[in-house]
């Protein structure tokens, strides 16, 4: 299983094994990682799974769809590395991926 590093806003790191096919949001929620809420359950209907993807991983991930881009308008302090964790399915090639969480989720 790929190991994903989730970094809280305060710098606290959590490394979790996330099954291939789960999303980054599911990986965080299923492992009790604070900072990702996933209020809509992965329907891309909120921004409570907002993460900042390490820039070296940006090109390796599934491209954003319009719905995700639109929902990021509601996220707290989005930037060019912002993604919704519910829209990123985990693949075996993502072992070592690092994502950071914003100070809060909206």
PDB file of N, CA and C in Angstrom:
ATOM      1  N   UNK A   1       0.837  -1.180   0.000  1.00  0.00           N
ATOM      2  CA  UNK A   1       0.000   0.000   0.000  1.00  0.00           C
ATOM      3  C   UNK A   1       0.884   1.246   0.000  1.00  0.00           C
ATOM      4  N   UNK A   2       0.501   2.232  -0.784  1.00  0.00           N
ATOM      5  CA  UNK A   2       1.269   3.478  -0.791  1.00  0.00           C
ATOM      6  C   UNK A   2       1.208   4.187   0.564  1.00  0.00           C
ATOM      7  N   UNK A   3       2.324   4.772   0.948  1.00  0.00           N
ATOM      8  CA  UNK A   3       2.375   5.580   2.164  1.00  0.00           C
ATOM      9  C   UNK A   3       2.269   7.043   1.757  1.00  0.00           C
ATOM     10  N   UNK A   4       1.292   7.722   2.362  1.00  0.00           N
ATOM     11  CA  UNK A   4       1.044   9.129   2.093  1.00  0.00           C
ATOM     12  C   UNK A   4       1.365   9.902   3.366  1.00  0.00           C
ATOM     13  N   UNK A   5       2.080  11.017   3.227  1.00  0.00           N
ATOM     14  CA  UNK A   5       2.372  11.877   4.373  1.00  0.00           C
ATOM     15  C   UNK A   5       1.432  13.065   4.339  1.00  0.00           C
ATOM     16  N   UNK A   6       0.663  13.204   5.409  1.00  0.00           N
ATOM     17  CA  UNK A   6      -0.252  14.325   5.602  1.00  0.00           C
ATOM     18  C   UNK A   6       0.385  15.228   6.654  1.00  0.00           C
ATOM     19  N   UNK A   7       0.540  16.504   6.343  1.00  0.00           N
ATOM     20  CA  UNK A   7       1.162  17.439   7.276  1.00  0.00           C
ATOM     21  C   UNK A   7       0.131  18.481   7.704  1.00  0.00           C
ATOM     22  N   UNK A   8      -0.117  18.525   9.005  1.00  0.00           N
ATOM     23  CA  UNK A   8      -1.037  19.513   9.545  1.00  0.00           C
ATOM     24  C   UNK A   8      -0.433  20.909   9.405  1.00  0.00           C
ATOM     25  N   UNK A   9      -1.275  21.912   9.540  1.00  0.00           N
ATOM     26  CA  UNK A   9      -0.832  23.306   9.411  1.00  0.00           C
ATOM     27  C   UNK A   9       0.297  23.632  10.389  1.00  0.00           C
ATOM     28  N   UNK A  10       0.285  23.007  11.571  1.00  0.00           N
ATOM     29  CA  UNK A  10       1.315  23.290  12.581  1.00  0.00           C
ATOM     30  C   UNK A  10       2.601  22.489  12.359  1.00  0.00           C
ATOM     31  N   UNK A  11       2.643  21.686  11.296  1.00  0.00           N
ATOM     32  CA  UNK A  11       3.844  20.914  10.976  1.00  0.00           C
ATOM     33  C   UNK A  11       3.814  19.473  11.446  1.00  0.00           C
ATOM     34  N   UNK A  12       2.803  19.078  12.187  1.00  0.00           N
ATOM     35  CA  UNK A  12       2.694  17.698  12.655  1.00  0.00           C
ATOM     36  C   UNK A  12       2.476  16.778  11.454  1.00  0.00           C
ATOM     37  N   UNK A  13       3.317  15.752  11.349  1.00  0.00           N
ATOM     38  CA  UNK A  13       3.237  14.818  10.224  1.00  0.00           C
ATOM     39  C   UNK A  13       2.537  13.526  10.632  1.00  0.00           C
ATOM     40  N   UNK A  14       1.760  13.013   9.698  1.00  0.00           N
ATOM     41  CA  UNK A  14       1.093  11.722   9.862  1.00  0.00           C
ATOM     42  C   UNK A  14       1.370  10.926   8.590  1.00  0.00           C
ATOM     43  N   UNK A  15       1.938   9.758   8.733  1.00  0.00           N
ATOM     44  CA  UNK A  15       2.171   8.883   7.586  1.00  0.00           C
ATOM     45  C   UNK A  15       1.140   7.767   7.667  1.00  0.00           C
ATOM     46  N   UNK A  16       0.401   7.581   6.581  1.00  0.00           N
ATOM     47  CA  UNK A  16      -0.651   6.572   6.564  1.00  0.00           C
ATOM     48  C   UNK A  16      -0.533   5.708   5.321  1.00  0.00           C
ATOM     49  N   UNK A  17      -0.785   4.425   5.485  1.00  0.00           N
ATOM     50  CA  UNK A  17      -0.909   3.540   4.338  1.00  0.00           C
ATOM     51  C   UNK A  17      -2.338   3.661   3.832  1.00  0.00           C
ATOM     52  N   UNK A  18      -2.455   3.984   2.551  1.00  0.00           N
ATOM     53  CA  UNK A  18      -3.777   4.203   1.962  1.00  0.00           C
ATOM     54  C   UNK A  18      -3.963   3.197   0.827  1.00  0.00           C
ATOM     55  N   UNK A  19      -5.027   2.403   0.878  1.00  0.00           N
ATOM     56  CA  UNK A  19      -5.254   1.415  -0.173  1.00  0.00           C
ATOM     57  C   UNK A  19      -5.406   2.063  -1.554  1.00  0.00           C
ATOM     58  N   UNK A  20      -4.845   1.418  -2.549  1.00  0.00           N
ATOM     59  CA  UNK A  20      -5.018   1.855  -3.934  1.00  0.00           C
ATOM     60  C   UNK A  20      -6.507   1.873  -4.237  1.00  0.00           C
ATOM     61  N   UNK A  21      -6.953   2.947  -4.869  1.00  0.00           N
ATOM     62  CA  UNK A  21      -8.361   3.101  -5.202  1.00  0.00           C
ATOM     63  C   UNK A  21      -9.117   3.995  -4.236  1.00  0.00           C
ATOM     64  N   UNK A  22      -8.623   4.103  -2.993  1.00  0.00           N
ATOM     65  CA  UNK A  22      -9.205   5.074  -2.067  1.00  0.00           C
ATOM     66  C   UNK A  22      -8.747   6.457  -2.504  1.00  0.00           C
ATOM     67  N   UNK A  23      -9.415   7.485  -2.006  1.00  0.00           N
ATOM     68  CA  UNK A  23      -8.966   8.845  -2.283  1.00  0.00           C
ATOM     69  C   UNK A  23      -8.088   9.331  -1.135  1.00  0.00           C
ATOM     70  N   UNK A  24      -7.394  10.445  -1.369  1.00  0.00           N
ATOM     71  CA  UNK A  24      -6.601  11.036  -0.286  1.00  0.00           C
ATOM     72  C   UNK A  24      -7.484  11.395   0.899  1.00  0.00           C
ATOM     73  N   UNK A  25      -8.696  11.875   0.623  1.00  0.00           N
ATOM     74  CA  UNK A  25      -9.633  12.214   1.692  1.00  0.00           C
ATOM     75  C   UNK A  25      -9.998  10.968   2.498  1.00  0.00           C
ATOM     76  N   UNK A  26     -10.332   9.882   1.832  1.00  0.00           N
ATOM     77  CA  UNK A  26     -10.674   8.641   2.529  1.00  0.00           C
ATOM     78  C   UNK A  26      -9.498   8.152   3.368  1.00  0.00           C
ATOM     79  N   UNK A  27      -8.298   8.264   2.825  1.00  0.00           N
ATOM     80  CA  UNK A  27      -7.109   7.850   3.565  1.00  0.00           C
ATOM     81  C   UNK A  27      -6.949   8.612   4.862  1.00  0.00           C
ATOM     82  N   UNK A  28      -7.190   9.915   4.818  1.00  0.00           N
ATOM     83  CA  UNK A  28      -7.079  10.736   6.026  1.00  0.00           C
ATOM     84  C   UNK A  28      -8.193  10.407   7.014  1.00  0.00           C
ATOM     85  N   UNK A  29      -9.417  10.377   6.537  1.00  0.00           N
ATOM     86  CA  UNK A  29     -10.562  10.120   7.417  1.00  0.00           C
ATOM     87  C   UNK A  29     -10.461   8.725   8.035  1.00  0.00           C
ATOM     88  N   UNK A  30     -10.153   7.724   7.234  1.00  0.00           N
ATOM     89  CA  UNK A  30     -10.080   6.342   7.729  1.00  0.00           C
ATOM     90  C   UNK A  30      -8.937   6.121   8.713  1.00  0.00           C
ATOM     91  N   UNK A  31      -7.923   6.989   8.662  1.00  0.00           N
ATOM     92  CA  UNK A  31      -6.786   6.869   9.575  1.00  0.00           C
ATOM     93  C   UNK A  31      -6.848   7.875  10.716  1.00  0.00           C
ATOM     94  N   UNK A  32      -7.957   8.596  10.838  1.00  0.00           N
ATOM     95  CA  UNK A  32      -8.130   9.530  11.944  1.00  0.00           C
ATOM     96  C   UNK A  32      -7.180  10.711  11.921  1.00  0.00           C
ATOM     97  N   UNK A  33      -6.782  11.121  10.738  1.00  0.00           N
ATOM     98  CA  UNK A  33      -5.846  12.243  10.617  1.00  0.00           C
ATOM     99  C   UNK A  33      -6.623  13.552  10.739  1.00  0.00           C
ATOM    100  N   UNK A  34      -6.248  14.388  11.715  1.00  0.00           N
ATOM    101  CA  UNK A  34      -6.960  15.660  11.875  1.00  0.00           C
ATOM    102  C   UNK A  34      -6.613  16.634  10.748  1.00  0.00           C
ATOM    103  N   UNK A  35      -7.580  17.504  10.439  1.00  0.00           N
ATOM    104  CA  UNK A  35      -7.326  18.532   9.436  1.00  0.00           C
ATOM    105  C   UNK A  35      -8.025  18.304   8.123  1.00  0.00           C
ATOM    106  N   UNK A  36      -8.561  17.113   7.925  1.00  0.00           N
ATOM    107  CA  UNK A  36      -9.361  16.821   6.736  1.00  0.00           C
ATOM    108  C   UNK A  36     -10.689  16.265   7.238  1.00  0.00           C
ATOM    109  N   UNK A  37     -11.761  16.966   6.884  1.00  0.00           N
ATOM    110  CA  UNK A  37     -13.069  16.599   7.411  1.00  0.00           C
ATOM    111  C   UNK A  37     -13.891  15.757   6.435  1.00  0.00           C
ATOM    112  N   UNK A  38     -13.906  16.115   5.166  1.00  0.00           N
ATOM    113  CA  UNK A  38     -14.670  15.346   4.185  1.00  0.00           C
ATOM    114  C   UNK A  38     -16.160  15.353   4.452  1.00  0.00           C
ATOM    115  N   UNK A  39     -16.712  16.527   4.762  1.00  0.00           N
ATOM    116  CA  UNK A  39     -18.129  16.633   5.135  1.00  0.00           C
ATOM    117  C   UNK A  39     -19.087  16.064   4.097  1.00  0.00           C
ATOM    118  N   UNK A  40     -18.778  16.190   2.816  1.00  0.00           N
ATOM    119  CA  UNK A  40     -19.717  15.726   1.783  1.00  0.00           C
ATOM    120  C   UNK A  40     -19.497  14.257   1.421  1.00  0.00           C
ATOM    121  N   UNK A  41     -18.541  13.616   2.078  1.00  0.00           N
ATOM    122  CA  UNK A  41     -18.299  12.201   1.829  1.00  0.00           C
ATOM    123  C   UNK A  41     -17.616  11.892   0.510  1.00  0.00           C
ATOM    124  N   UNK A  42     -17.056  12.901  -0.122  1.00  0.00           N
ATOM    125  CA  UNK A  42     -16.325  12.674  -1.370  1.00  0.00           C
ATOM    126  C   UNK A  42     -17.099  13.012  -2.622  1.00  0.00           C
ATOM    127  N   UNK A  43     -18.202  13.732  -2.473  1.00  0.00           N
ATOM    128  CA  UNK A  43     -19.049  14.071  -3.624  1.00  0.00           C
ATOM    129  C   UNK A  43     -18.611  15.344  -4.351  1.00  0.00           C
ATOM    130  N   UNK A  44     -17.510  15.936  -3.933  1.00  0.00           N
ATOM    131  CA  UNK A  44     -17.014  17.189  -4.515  1.00  0.00           C
ATOM    132  C   UNK A  44     -18.075  18.276  -4.379  1.00  0.00           C
ATOM    133  N   UNK A  45     -18.703  18.317  -3.200  1.00  0.00           N
ATOM    134  CA  UNK A  45     -19.757  19.297  -2.939  1.00  0.00           C
ATOM    135  C   UNK A  45     -19.391  20.235  -1.794  1.00  0.00           C
ATOM    136  N   UNK A  46     -18.143  20.182  -1.339  1.00  0.00           N
ATOM    137  CA  UNK A  46     -17.661  21.090  -0.305  1.00  0.00           C
ATOM    138  C   UNK A  46     -16.155  21.239  -0.505  1.00  0.00           C
ATOM    139  N   UNK A  47     -15.504  21.896   0.411  1.00  0.00           N
ATOM    140  CA  UNK A  47     -14.047  22.029   0.284  1.00  0.00           C
ATOM    141  C   UNK A  47     -13.346  21.620   1.567  1.00  0.00           C
ATOM    142  N   UNK A  48     -13.962  20.720   2.334  1.00  0.00           N
ATOM    143  CA  UNK A  48     -13.411  20.349   3.635  1.00  0.00           C
ATOM    144  C   UNK A  48     -12.357  19.242   3.570  1.00  0.00           C
ATOM    145  N   UNK A  49     -11.893  18.948   2.373  1.00  0.00           N
ATOM    146  CA  UNK A  49     -10.769  18.012   2.219  1.00  0.00           C
ATOM    147  C   UNK A  49      -9.648  18.690   1.430  1.00  0.00           C
ATOM    148  N   UNK A  50      -9.636  20.019   1.498  1.00  0.00           N
ATOM    149  CA  UNK A  50      -8.640  20.835   0.797  1.00  0.00           C
ATOM    150  C   UNK A  50      -7.238  20.502   1.296  1.00  0.00           C
ATOM    151  N   UNK A  51      -6.329  20.251   0.363  1.00  0.00           N
ATOM    152  CA  UNK A  51      -4.916  20.018   0.687  1.00  0.00           C
ATOM    153  C   UNK A  51      -4.048  20.789  -0.298  1.00  0.00           C
ATOM    154  N   UNK A  52      -2.801  20.999   0.112  1.00  0.00           N
ATOM    155  CA  UNK A  52      -1.785  21.569  -0.759  1.00  0.00           C
ATOM    156  C   UNK A  52      -0.860  20.415  -1.149  1.00  0.00           C
ATOM    157  N   UNK A  53      -0.786  20.125  -2.427  1.00  0.00           N
ATOM    158  CA  UNK A  53       0.038  19.024  -2.917  1.00  0.00           C
ATOM    159  C   UNK A  53       1.466  19.511  -3.124  1.00  0.00           C
ATOM    160  N   UNK A  54       2.413  18.741  -2.630  1.00  0.00           N
ATOM    161  CA  UNK A  54       3.819  19.066  -2.846  1.00  0.00           C
ATOM    162  C   UNK A  54       4.037  19.283  -4.340  1.00  0.00           C
ATOM    163  N   UNK A  55       4.657  20.397  -4.730  1.00  0.00           N
ATOM    164  CA  UNK A  55       4.795  20.732  -6.158  1.00  0.00           C
ATOM    165  C   UNK A  55       5.408  19.637  -7.028  1.00  0.00           C
ATOM    166  N   UNK A  56       6.330  18.839  -6.483  1.00  0.00           N
ATOM    167  CA  UNK A  56       6.951  17.797  -7.312  1.00  0.00           C
ATOM    168  C   UNK A  56       5.978  16.683  -7.673  1.00  0.00           C
ATOM    169  N   UNK A  57       4.815  16.648  -7.021  1.00  0.00           N
ATOM    170  CA  UNK A  57       3.812  15.633  -7.304  1.00  0.00           C
ATOM    171  C   UNK A  57       2.686  16.128  -8.199  1.00  0.00           C
ATOM    172  N   UNK A  58       2.577  17.423  -8.403  1.00  0.00           N
ATOM    173  CA  UNK A  58       1.446  18.000  -9.147  1.00  0.00           C
ATOM    174  C   UNK A  58       1.198  17.323 -10.495  1.00  0.00           C
ATOM    175  N   UNK A  59       2.218  17.168 -11.278  1.00  0.00           N
ATOM    176  CA  UNK A  59       2.075  16.605 -12.628  1.00  0.00           C
ATOM    177  C   UNK A  59       1.792  15.107 -12.633  1.00  0.00           C
ATOM    178  N   UNK A  60       2.020  14.446 -11.516  1.00  0.00           N
ATOM    179  CA  UNK A  60       1.831  12.996 -11.439  1.00  0.00           C
ATOM    180  C   UNK A  60       0.409  12.599 -11.052  1.00  0.00           C
ATOM    181  N   UNK A  61      -0.406  13.587 -10.688  1.00  0.00           N
ATOM    182  CA  UNK A  61      -1.760  13.304 -10.227  1.00  0.00           C
ATOM    183  C   UNK A  61      -2.776  13.453 -11.344  1.00  0.00           C
ATOM    184  N   UNK A  62      -3.915  12.838 -11.148  1.00  0.00           N
ATOM    185  CA  UNK A  62      -5.046  12.996 -12.058  1.00  0.00           C
ATOM    186  C   UNK A  62      -5.340  14.489 -12.196  1.00  0.00           C
ATOM    187  N   UNK A  63      -5.598  14.935 -13.406  1.00  0.00           N
ATOM    188  CA  UNK A  63      -5.869  16.354 -13.654  1.00  0.00           C
ATOM    189  C   UNK A  63      -7.163  16.791 -12.974  1.00  0.00           C
ATOM    190  N   UNK A  64      -7.213  18.060 -12.619  1.00  0.00           N
ATOM    191  CA  UNK A  64      -8.429  18.618 -12.027  1.00  0.00           C
ATOM    192  C   UNK A  64      -9.535  18.704 -13.062  1.00  0.00           C
ATOM    193  N   UNK A  65     -10.744  18.423 -12.626  1.00  0.00           N
ATOM    194  CA  UNK A  65     -11.917  18.629 -13.464  1.00  0.00           C
ATOM    195  C   UNK A  65     -12.542  19.956 -13.064  1.00  0.00           C
ATOM    196  N   UNK A  66     -13.412  20.490 -13.902  1.00  0.00           N
ATOM    197  CA  UNK A  66     -14.015  21.800 -13.664  1.00  0.00           C
ATOM    198  C   UNK A  66     -14.720  21.890 -12.318  1.00  0.00           C
ATOM    199  N   UNK A  67     -15.409  20.824 -11.917  1.00  0.00           N
ATOM    200  CA  UNK A  67     -16.144  20.850 -10.659  1.00  0.00           C
ATOM    201  C   UNK A  67     -15.194  21.061  -9.472  1.00  0.00           C
ATOM    202  N   UNK A  68     -14.038  20.410  -9.499  1.00  0.00           N
ATOM    203  CA  UNK A  68     -13.060  20.581  -8.423  1.00  0.00           C
ATOM    204  C   UNK A  68     -12.536  22.013  -8.408  1.00  0.00           C
ATOM    205  N   UNK A  69     -12.210  22.534  -9.572  1.00  0.00           N
ATOM    206  CA  UNK A  69     -11.721  23.917  -9.665  1.00  0.00           C
ATOM    207  C   UNK A  69     -12.754  24.871  -9.075  1.00  0.00           C
ATOM    208  N   UNK A  70     -14.020  24.667  -9.412  1.00  0.00           N
ATOM    209  CA  UNK A  70     -15.093  25.521  -8.889  1.00  0.00           C
ATOM    210  C   UNK A  70     -15.201  25.420  -7.367  1.00  0.00           C
ATOM    211  N   UNK A  71     -15.108  24.223  -6.819  1.00  0.00           N
ATOM    212  CA  UNK A  71     -15.238  24.047  -5.365  1.00  0.00           C
ATOM    213  C   UNK A  71     -14.049  24.646  -4.613  1.00  0.00           C
ATOM    214  N   UNK A  72     -12.896  24.684  -5.240  1.00  0.00           N
ATOM    215  CA  UNK A  72     -11.726  25.271  -4.575  1.00  0.00           C
ATOM    216  C   UNK A  72     -11.901  26.765  -4.336  1.00  0.00           C
ATOM    217  N   UNK A  73     -12.832  27.398  -5.049  1.00  0.00           N
ATOM    218  CA  UNK A  73     -13.135  28.809  -4.787  1.00  0.00           C
ATOM    219  C   UNK A  73     -13.664  29.004  -3.375  1.00  0.00           C
ATOM    220  N   UNK A  74     -14.205  27.943  -2.771  1.00  0.00           N
ATOM    221  CA  UNK A  74     -14.764  28.020  -1.426  1.00  0.00           C
ATOM    222  C   UNK A  74     -13.772  27.573  -0.348  1.00  0.00           C
ATOM    223  N   UNK A  75     -12.589  27.136  -0.744  1.00  0.00           N
ATOM    224  CA  UNK A  75     -11.587  26.644   0.196  1.00  0.00           C
ATOM    225  C   UNK A  75     -10.892  27.807   0.903  1.00  0.00           C
ATOM    226  N   UNK A  76     -10.307  27.493   2.051  1.00  0.00           N
ATOM    227  CA  UNK A  76      -9.546  28.474   2.809  1.00  0.00           C
ATOM    228  C   UNK A  76      -8.165  28.644   2.181  1.00  0.00           C
ATOM    229  N   UNK A  77      -7.866  29.846   1.750  1.00  0.00           N
ATOM    230  CA  UNK A  77      -6.570  30.230   1.185  1.00  0.00           C
ATOM    231  C   UNK A  77      -6.055  29.251   0.117  1.00  0.00           C
ATOM    232  N   UNK A  78      -6.827  29.071  -0.954  1.00  0.00           N
ATOM    233  CA  UNK A  78      -6.339  28.202  -2.038  1.00  0.00           C
ATOM    234  C   UNK A  78      -5.155  28.845  -2.757  1.00  0.00           C
ATOM    235  N   UNK A  79      -4.308  27.997  -3.318  1.00  0.00           N
ATOM    236  CA  UNK A  79      -3.192  28.483  -4.139  1.00  0.00           C
ATOM    237  C   UNK A  79      -3.000  27.527  -5.315  1.00  0.00           C
ATOM    238  N   UNK A  80      -1.916  27.697  -6.046  1.00  0.00           N
ATOM    239  CA  UNK A  80      -1.695  26.892  -7.256  1.00  0.00           C
ATOM    240  C   UNK A  80      -1.483  25.410  -6.955  1.00  0.00           C
ATOM    241  N   UNK A  81      -1.206  25.056  -5.703  1.00  0.00           N
ATOM    242  CA  UNK A  81      -1.004  23.653  -5.320  1.00  0.00           C
ATOM    243  C   UNK A  81      -2.239  23.049  -4.664  1.00  0.00           C
ATOM    244  N   UNK A  82      -3.328  23.807  -4.622  1.00  0.00           N
ATOM    245  CA  UNK A  82      -4.535  23.343  -3.950  1.00  0.00           C
ATOM    246  C   UNK A  82      -5.251  22.262  -4.745  1.00  0.00           C
ATOM    247  N   UNK A  83      -5.714  21.266  -4.006  1.00  0.00           N
ATOM    248  CA  UNK A  83      -6.545  20.203  -4.570  1.00  0.00           C
ATOM    249  C   UNK A  83      -7.552  19.776  -3.521  1.00  0.00           C
ATOM    250  N   UNK A  84      -8.581  19.098  -3.960  1.00  0.00           N
ATOM    251  CA  UNK A  84      -9.523  18.472  -3.040  1.00  0.00           C
ATOM    252  C   UNK A  84      -9.125  17.003  -2.935  1.00  0.00           C
ATOM    253  N   UNK A  85      -8.884  16.556  -1.721  1.00  0.00           N
ATOM    254  CA  UNK A  85      -8.442  15.185  -1.505  1.00  0.00           C
ATOM    255  C   UNK A  85      -9.416  14.142  -2.005  1.00  0.00           C
ATOM    256  N   UNK A  86     -10.710  14.493  -2.043  1.00  0.00           N
ATOM    257  CA  UNK A  86     -11.717  13.536  -2.513  1.00  0.00           C
ATOM    258  C   UNK A  86     -11.625  13.300  -4.011  1.00  0.00           C
ATOM    259  N   UNK A  87     -10.904  14.145  -4.710  1.00  0.00           N
ATOM    260  CA  UNK A  87     -10.804  14.030  -6.165  1.00  0.00           C
ATOM    261  C   UNK A  87      -9.475  13.424  -6.617  1.00  0.00           C
ATOM    262  N   UNK A  88      -8.705  12.920  -5.667  1.00  0.00           N
ATOM    263  CA  UNK A  88      -7.411  12.318  -6.000  1.00  0.00           C
ATOM    264  C   UNK A  88      -7.410  10.854  -5.588  1.00  0.00           C
ATOM    265  N   UNK A  89      -7.673   9.950  -6.539  1.00  0.00           N
ATOM    266  CA  UNK A  89      -7.612   8.527  -6.221  1.00  0.00           C
ATOM    267  C   UNK A  89      -6.152   8.084  -6.060  1.00  0.00           C
ATOM    268  N   UNK A  90      -5.910   7.292  -5.056  1.00  0.00           N
ATOM    269  CA  UNK A  90      -4.556   6.821  -4.766  1.00  0.00           C
ATOM    270  C   UNK A  90      -4.183   5.697  -5.726  1.00  0.00           C
ATOM    271  N   UNK A  91      -2.977   5.792  -6.263  1.00  0.00           N
ATOM    272  CA  UNK A  91      -2.410   4.752  -7.119  1.00  0.00           C
ATOM    273  C   UNK A  91      -1.122   4.245  -6.479  1.00  0.00           C
ATOM    274  N   UNK A  92      -0.649   3.110  -6.919  1.00  0.00           N
ATOM    275  CA  UNK A  92       0.589   2.547  -6.378  1.00  0.00           C
ATOM    276  C   UNK A  92       1.764   3.496  -6.579  1.00  0.00           C
ATOM    277  N   UNK A  93       1.721   4.269  -7.654  1.00  0.00           N
ATOM    278  CA  UNK A  93       2.807   5.196  -7.967  1.00  0.00           C
ATOM    279  C   UNK A  93       2.857   6.401  -7.026  1.00  0.00           C
ATOM    280  N   UNK A  94       1.851   6.545  -6.180  1.00  0.00           N
ATOM    281  CA  UNK A  94       1.796   7.698  -5.282  1.00  0.00           C
ATOM    282  C   UNK A  94       2.501   7.441  -3.948  1.00  0.00           C
ATOM    283  N   UNK A  95       3.183   6.312  -3.816  1.00  0.00           N
ATOM    284  CA  UNK A  95       3.916   6.032  -2.588  1.00  0.00           C
ATOM    285  C   UNK A  95       4.914   7.161  -2.330  1.00  0.00           C
ATOM    286  N   UNK A  96       4.825   7.781  -1.160  1.00  0.00           N
ATOM    287  CA  UNK A  96       5.717   8.887  -0.812  1.00  0.00           C
ATOM    288  C   UNK A  96       5.113  10.265  -1.022  1.00  0.00           C
ATOM    289  N   UNK A  97       3.889  10.331  -1.542  1.00  0.00           N
ATOM    290  CA  UNK A  97       3.217  11.614  -1.758  1.00  0.00           C
ATOM    291  C   UNK A  97       3.129  12.390  -0.449  1.00  0.00           C
ATOM    292  N   UNK A  98       3.337  13.707  -0.540  1.00  0.00           N
ATOM    293  CA  UNK A  98       3.242  14.585   0.617  1.00  0.00           C
ATOM    294  C   UNK A  98       2.190  15.652   0.332  1.00  0.00           C
ATOM    295  N   UNK A  99       1.249  15.800   1.273  1.00  0.00           N
ATOM    296  CA  UNK A  99       0.264  16.869   1.177  1.00  0.00           C
ATOM    297  C   UNK A  99       0.228  17.612   2.504  1.00  0.00           C
ATOM    298  N   UNK A 100      -0.044  18.914   2.402  1.00  0.00           N
ATOM    299  CA  UNK A 100      -0.170  19.755   3.602  1.00  0.00           C
ATOM    300  C   UNK A 100      -1.607  20.220   3.701  1.00  0.00           C
ATOM    301  N   UNK A 101      -2.051  20.424   4.939  1.00  0.00           N
ATOM    302  CA  UNK A 101      -3.406  20.894   5.154  1.00  0.00           C
ATOM    303  C   UNK A 101      -3.387  22.386   5.469  1.00  0.00           C
ATOM    304  N   UNK A 102      -4.448  23.081   5.076  1.00  0.00           N
ATOM    305  CA  UNK A 102      -4.542  24.502   5.420  1.00  0.00           C
ATOM    306  C   UNK A 102      -4.793  24.673   6.923  1.00  0.00           C
ATOM    307  N   UNK A 103      -4.746  25.910   7.364  1.00  0.00           N
ATOM    308  CA  UNK A 103      -4.965  26.199   8.784  1.00  0.00           C
ATOM    309  C   UNK A 103      -6.345  25.749   9.240  1.00  0.00           C
ATOM    310  N   UNK A 104      -7.332  25.834   8.331  1.00  0.00           N
ATOM    311  CA  UNK A 104      -8.681  25.379   8.660  1.00  0.00           C
ATOM    312  C   UNK A 104      -9.377  24.967   7.376  1.00  0.00           C
ATOM    313  N   UNK A 105     -10.473  24.254   7.548  1.00  0.00           N
ATOM    314  CA  UNK A 105     -11.301  23.854   6.414  1.00  0.00           C
ATOM    315  C   UNK A 105     -12.590  24.660   6.464  1.00  0.00           C
ATOM    316  N   UNK A 106     -13.103  25.015   5.297  1.00  0.00           N
ATOM    317  CA  UNK A 106     -14.361  25.768   5.226  1.00  0.00           C
ATOM    318  C   UNK A 106     -15.443  24.923   4.607  1.00  0.00           C
TER     319      UNK A 106
END
